[in-house]
Amino acid sequence: MACYYPDVSGEQPVLWRIDVRTLPEGVTAKKEPSERDPLCHVNLYGLTRSQRRNMVLAINANELTICDGGIMRALTSDDIARFSPRTA
């Protein structure tokens, strides 16, 4: 993922599969493959800032997968702890 999205992705990439049937009214999903992105990537259009925030806050950890050494697997609580910012 980082090779396709160097400005927004780190290693190990965490992916979220979105059910487009649950998108807010007026939001469209458009599959836009390119040479840089051979994955099944979909862009969302028409989301407001608050809709994006609400979608992210509603994500359940069991909906996320992680690319671990080229193999997709479920995200674990250990992964979340490793990625979470440390607080003093």
C-alpha atoms as a PDB file:
ATOM      1  CA  MET A   1       0.000   0.000   0.000  1.00  0.00           C
ATOM      2  CA  ALA A   2       2.737   2.468   0.871  1.00  0.00           C
ATOM      3  CA  CYS A   3       4.117   2.187  -2.646  1.00  0.00           C
ATOM      4  CA  TYR A   4       0.698   3.226  -4.011  1.00  0.00           C
ATOM      5  CA  TYR A   5      -0.146   5.839  -1.371  1.00  0.00           C
ATOM      6  CA  PRO A   6       3.178   7.042   0.097  1.00  0.00           C
ATOM      7  CA  ASP A   7       1.652  10.186   1.605  1.00  0.00           C
ATOM      8  CA  VAL A   8      -1.214   8.474   3.420  1.00  0.00           C
ATOM      9  CA  SER A   9      -0.120   4.915   4.107  1.00  0.00           C
ATOM     10  CA  GLY A  10       2.463   3.396   6.348  1.00  0.00           C
ATOM     11  CA  GLU A  11       3.620  -0.089   6.985  1.00  0.00           C
ATOM     12  CA  GLN A  12       1.786  -2.284   7.846  1.00  0.00           C
ATOM     13  CA  PRO A  13      -1.288  -1.079   5.971  1.00  0.00           C
ATOM     14  CA  VAL A  14      -4.668  -1.467   7.643  1.00  0.00           C
ATOM     15  CA  LEU A  15      -7.592  -1.885   5.251  1.00  0.00           C
ATOM     16  CA  TRP A  16     -11.308  -1.387   5.754  1.00  0.00           C
ATOM     17  CA  ARG A  17     -13.917  -2.992   3.530  1.00  0.00           C
ATOM     18  CA  ILE A  18     -16.906  -0.666   3.190  1.00  0.00           C
ATOM     19  CA  ASP A  19     -20.407  -1.868   2.365  1.00  0.00           C
ATOM     20  CA  VAL A  20     -21.494   0.794  -0.129  1.00  0.00           C
ATOM     21  CA  ARG A  21     -25.141   0.096   0.751  1.00  0.00           C
ATOM     22  CA  THR A  22     -24.484   1.787   4.107  1.00  0.00           C
ATOM     23  CA  LEU A  23     -23.134   5.050   2.673  1.00  0.00           C
ATOM     24  CA  PRO A  24     -25.053   8.240   3.504  1.00  0.00           C
ATOM     25  CA  GLU A  25     -27.504   9.552   0.907  1.00  0.00           C
ATOM     26  CA  GLY A  26     -25.748  11.544  -1.793  1.00  0.00           C
ATOM     27  CA  VAL A  27     -22.424   9.767  -1.359  1.00  0.00           C
ATOM     28  CA  THR A  28     -21.156   7.826  -4.341  1.00  0.00           C
ATOM     29  CA  ALA A  29     -18.507   5.142  -4.575  1.00  0.00           C
ATOM     30  CA  LYS A  30     -16.504   4.899  -7.748  1.00  0.00           C
ATOM     31  CA  LYS A  31     -13.992   2.169  -8.544  1.00  0.00           C
ATOM     32  CA  GLU A  32     -11.052   3.936 -10.128  1.00  0.00           C
ATOM     33  CA  PRO A  33      -8.237   1.539 -10.981  1.00  0.00           C
ATOM     34  CA  SER A  34      -5.008   2.984 -12.279  1.00  0.00           C
ATOM     35  CA  GLU A  35      -1.516   1.812 -13.083  1.00  0.00           C
ATOM     36  CA  ARG A  36      -0.419   2.999  -9.633  1.00  0.00           C
ATOM     37  CA  ASP A  37      -3.277   1.199  -7.911  1.00  0.00           C
ATOM     38  CA  PRO A  38      -3.952  -2.314  -9.213  1.00  0.00           C
ATOM     39  CA  LEU A  39      -5.911  -3.126  -6.049  1.00  0.00           C
ATOM     40  CA  CYS A  40      -9.672  -3.079  -5.727  1.00  0.00           C
ATOM     41  CA  HIS A  41      -9.669   0.524  -4.582  1.00  0.00           C
ATOM     42  CA  VAL A  42     -12.828   2.604  -4.446  1.00  0.00           C
ATOM     43  CA  ASN A  43     -12.986   6.376  -3.971  1.00  0.00           C
ATOM     44  CA  LEU A  44     -15.883   7.952  -2.078  1.00  0.00           C
ATOM     45  CA  TYR A  45     -17.336  11.246  -3.304  1.00  0.00           C
ATOM     46  CA  GLY A  46     -19.723  13.640  -1.622  1.00  0.00           C
ATOM     47  CA  LEU A  47     -18.830  12.914   1.995  1.00  0.00           C
ATOM     48  CA  THR A  48     -18.912  15.863   4.333  1.00  0.00           C
ATOM     49  CA  ARG A  49     -16.259  16.241   7.007  1.00  0.00           C
ATOM     50  CA  SER A  50     -18.732  15.196   9.704  1.00  0.00           C
ATOM     51  CA  GLN A  51     -19.857  12.158   7.681  1.00  0.00           C
ATOM     52  CA  ARG A  52     -16.217  11.051   7.288  1.00  0.00           C
ATOM     53  CA  ARG A  53     -15.661  11.509  11.001  1.00  0.00           C
ATOM     54  CA  ASN A  54     -18.797   9.524  11.881  1.00  0.00           C
ATOM     55  CA  MET A  55     -17.816   6.708   9.500  1.00  0.00           C
ATOM     56  CA  VAL A  56     -14.359   6.437  11.013  1.00  0.00           C
ATOM     57  CA  LEU A  57     -15.711   6.512  14.569  1.00  0.00           C
ATOM     58  CA  ALA A  58     -18.162   3.720  13.694  1.00  0.00           C
ATOM     59  CA  ILE A  59     -15.472   1.321  12.464  1.00  0.00           C
ATOM     60  CA  ASN A  60     -15.311  -1.908  14.439  1.00  0.00           C
ATOM     61  CA  ALA A  61     -11.891  -3.498  14.766  1.00  0.00           C
ATOM     62  CA  ASN A  62     -13.310  -6.777  13.446  1.00  0.00           C
ATOM     63  CA  GLU A  63     -13.999  -5.011  10.115  1.00  0.00           C
ATOM     64  CA  LEU A  64     -10.308  -4.231   9.604  1.00  0.00           C
ATOM     65  CA  THR A  65      -7.610  -6.327   8.003  1.00  0.00           C
ATOM     66  CA  ILE A  66      -3.870  -5.852   7.951  1.00  0.00           C
ATOM     67  CA  CYS A  67      -1.289  -6.739   5.360  1.00  0.00           C
ATOM     68  CA  ASP A  68       1.330  -8.704   7.280  1.00  0.00           C
ATOM     69  CA  GLY A  69       4.253  -9.842   5.167  1.00  0.00           C
ATOM     70  CA  GLY A  70       2.099  -9.828   2.046  1.00  0.00           C
ATOM     71  CA  ILE A  71      -0.670 -11.873   3.694  1.00  0.00           C
ATOM     72  CA  MET A  72      -4.012 -10.351   4.652  1.00  0.00           C
ATOM     73  CA  ARG A  73      -5.197 -11.222   8.150  1.00  0.00           C
ATOM     74  CA  ALA A  74      -7.618  -9.895  10.751  1.00  0.00           C
ATOM     75  CA  LEU A  75      -6.436  -6.940  12.815  1.00  0.00           C
ATOM     76  CA  THR A  76      -5.745  -7.924  16.437  1.00  0.00           C
ATOM     77  CA  SER A  77      -5.809  -5.983  19.696  1.00  0.00           C
ATOM     78  CA  ASP A  78      -1.995  -6.254  19.724  1.00  0.00           C
ATOM     79  CA  ASP A  79      -1.896  -4.504  16.331  1.00  0.00           C
ATOM     80  CA  ILE A  80      -4.147  -1.734  17.619  1.00  0.00           C
ATOM     81  CA  ALA A  81      -1.960  -1.234  20.693  1.00  0.00           C
ATOM     82  CA  ARG A  82       1.140  -1.110  18.496  1.00  0.00           C
ATOM     83  CA  PHE A  83      -0.381   1.565  16.208  1.00  0.00           C
ATOM     84  CA  SER A  84      -2.018   3.652  18.959  1.00  0.00           C
ATOM     85  CA  PRO A  85      -0.278   6.867  19.918  1.00  0.00           C
ATOM     86  CA  ARG A  86       1.414   6.651  23.275  1.00  0.00           C
ATOM     87  CA  THR A  87       0.106   9.019  25.934  1.00  0.00           C
ATOM     88  CA  ALA A  88       2.103  10.185  28.933  1.00  0.00           C
END
